Amino acid sequence: MLEMTQAGREMTDDELKVLHTIAEGWDIQWKVFFLLADCKERNLDLIKGLRYNLREAAISNIGVNLA
């Protein structure tokens, strides 16, 4: 992946899907999206819970393992 970046080549979605941490990060982002989309109004407890769960998952939004 680093070599592709250095060469100025972007990875395709299919290439990214093969990377476990990237796929896991996408899964988490979709779960968050659907939870928030289902809310009729702002739910601070849900937002705080999501923040806590995301920190516990230790995966960043770019697929970097933070543990």
C-alpha atoms as a PDB file:
ATOM      1  CA  MET A   1       0.000   0.000   0.000  1.00  0.00           C
ATOM      2  CA  LEU A   2       2.788   2.436   0.869  1.00  0.00           C
ATOM      3  CA  GLU A   3       4.492   1.686  -2.419  1.00  0.00           C
ATOM      4  CA  MET A   4       1.304   2.531  -4.311  1.00  0.00           C
ATOM      5  CA  THR A   5       0.999   5.831  -2.490  1.00  0.00           C
ATOM      6  CA  GLN A   6       4.618   6.706  -3.181  1.00  0.00           C
ATOM      7  CA  ALA A   7       4.092   5.867  -6.848  1.00  0.00           C
ATOM      8  CA  GLY A   8       1.058   8.176  -6.978  1.00  0.00           C
ATOM      9  CA  ARG A   9      -1.358   5.292  -7.560  1.00  0.00           C
ATOM     10  CA  GLU A  10      -4.611   5.061  -5.615  1.00  0.00           C
ATOM     11  CA  MET A  11      -5.925   1.676  -4.563  1.00  0.00           C
ATOM     12  CA  THR A  12      -9.250   0.534  -5.981  1.00  0.00           C
ATOM     13  CA  ASP A  13     -12.176  -0.392  -3.733  1.00  0.00           C
ATOM     14  CA  ASP A  14     -11.597  -4.061  -4.580  1.00  0.00           C
ATOM     15  CA  GLU A  15      -7.950  -3.804  -3.494  1.00  0.00           C
ATOM     16  CA  LEU A  16      -8.959  -2.055  -0.273  1.00  0.00           C
ATOM     17  CA  LYS A  17     -11.651  -4.652   0.552  1.00  0.00           C
ATOM     18  CA  VAL A  18      -8.953  -7.323   0.781  1.00  0.00           C
ATOM     19  CA  LEU A  19      -7.277  -5.468   3.658  1.00  0.00           C
ATOM     20  CA  HIS A  20      -8.885  -6.645   6.899  1.00  0.00           C
ATOM     21  CA  THR A  21      -8.416  -3.400   8.847  1.00  0.00           C
ATOM     22  CA  ILE A  22      -9.865  -1.280   6.043  1.00  0.00           C
ATOM     23  CA  ALA A  23     -12.910  -3.546   5.708  1.00  0.00           C
ATOM     24  CA  GLU A  24     -13.389  -3.516   9.482  1.00  0.00           C
ATOM     25  CA  GLY A  25     -13.215   0.287   9.538  1.00  0.00           C
ATOM     26  CA  TRP A  26     -15.833   0.499   6.776  1.00  0.00           C
ATOM     27  CA  ASP A  27     -18.114  -1.908   8.664  1.00  0.00           C
ATOM     28  CA  ILE A  28     -17.882   0.243  11.771  1.00  0.00           C
ATOM     29  CA  GLN A  29     -18.591   3.418   9.793  1.00  0.00           C
ATOM     30  CA  TRP A  30     -21.712   1.880   8.230  1.00  0.00           C
ATOM     31  CA  LYS A  31     -22.971   0.694  11.627  1.00  0.00           C
ATOM     32  CA  VAL A  32     -22.543   4.209  13.024  1.00  0.00           C
ATOM     33  CA  PHE A  33     -24.244   5.717   9.976  1.00  0.00           C
ATOM     34  CA  PHE A  34     -27.304   3.476  10.280  1.00  0.00           C
ATOM     35  CA  LEU A  35     -27.612   4.022  14.033  1.00  0.00           C
ATOM     36  CA  LEU A  36     -27.533   7.788  13.584  1.00  0.00           C
ATOM     37  CA  ALA A  37     -29.803   7.725  10.541  1.00  0.00           C
ATOM     38  CA  ASP A  38     -32.454   5.853  12.553  1.00  0.00           C
ATOM     39  CA  CYS A  39     -32.552   8.563  15.229  1.00  0.00           C
ATOM     40  CA  LYS A  40     -35.493  10.907  14.956  1.00  0.00           C
ATOM     41  CA  GLU A  41     -33.741  13.493  17.124  1.00  0.00           C
ATOM     42  CA  ARG A  42     -30.320  14.029  18.671  1.00  0.00           C
ATOM     43  CA  ASN A  43     -29.596  11.387  21.285  1.00  0.00           C
ATOM     44  CA  LEU A  44     -26.621  12.387  23.420  1.00  0.00           C
ATOM     45  CA  ASP A  45     -26.505   9.034  25.201  1.00  0.00           C
ATOM     46  CA  LEU A  46     -26.260   7.240  21.849  1.00  0.00           C
ATOM     47  CA  ILE A  47     -23.497   9.595  20.665  1.00  0.00           C
ATOM     48  CA  LYS A  48     -21.525   9.154  23.890  1.00  0.00           C
ATOM     49  CA  GLY A  49     -21.973   5.384  23.668  1.00  0.00           C
ATOM     50  CA  LEU A  50     -20.779   5.359  20.049  1.00  0.00           C
ATOM     51  CA  ARG A  51     -17.703   7.390  20.945  1.00  0.00           C
ATOM     52  CA  TYR A  52     -16.889   4.966  23.743  1.00  0.00           C
ATOM     53  CA  ASN A  53     -17.425   1.912  21.516  1.00  0.00           C
ATOM     54  CA  LEU A  54     -15.294   3.365  18.729  1.00  0.00           C
ATOM     55  CA  ARG A  55     -12.444   3.999  21.130  1.00  0.00           C
ATOM     56  CA  GLU A  56     -12.793   0.453  22.472  1.00  0.00           C
ATOM     57  CA  ALA A  57     -12.696  -0.963  18.933  1.00  0.00           C
ATOM     58  CA  ALA A  58      -9.293   0.750  18.526  1.00  0.00           C
ATOM     59  CA  ILE A  59      -9.735   1.122  14.761  1.00  0.00           C
ATOM     60  CA  SER A  60      -9.414   4.549  13.193  1.00  0.00           C
ATOM     61  CA  ASN A  61     -11.533   5.818  10.324  1.00  0.00           C
ATOM     62  CA  ILE A  62      -8.695   4.970   7.914  1.00  0.00           C
ATOM     63  CA  GLY A  63      -8.249   1.390   9.076  1.00  0.00           C
ATOM     64  CA  VAL A  64      -5.301   1.933  11.398  1.00  0.00           C
ATOM     65  CA  ASN A  65      -5.237  -0.316  14.454  1.00  0.00           C
ATOM     66  CA  LEU A  66      -4.823   1.997  17.437  1.00  0.00           C
ATOM     67  CA  ALA A  67      -4.147  -0.708  20.018  1.00  0.00           C
END
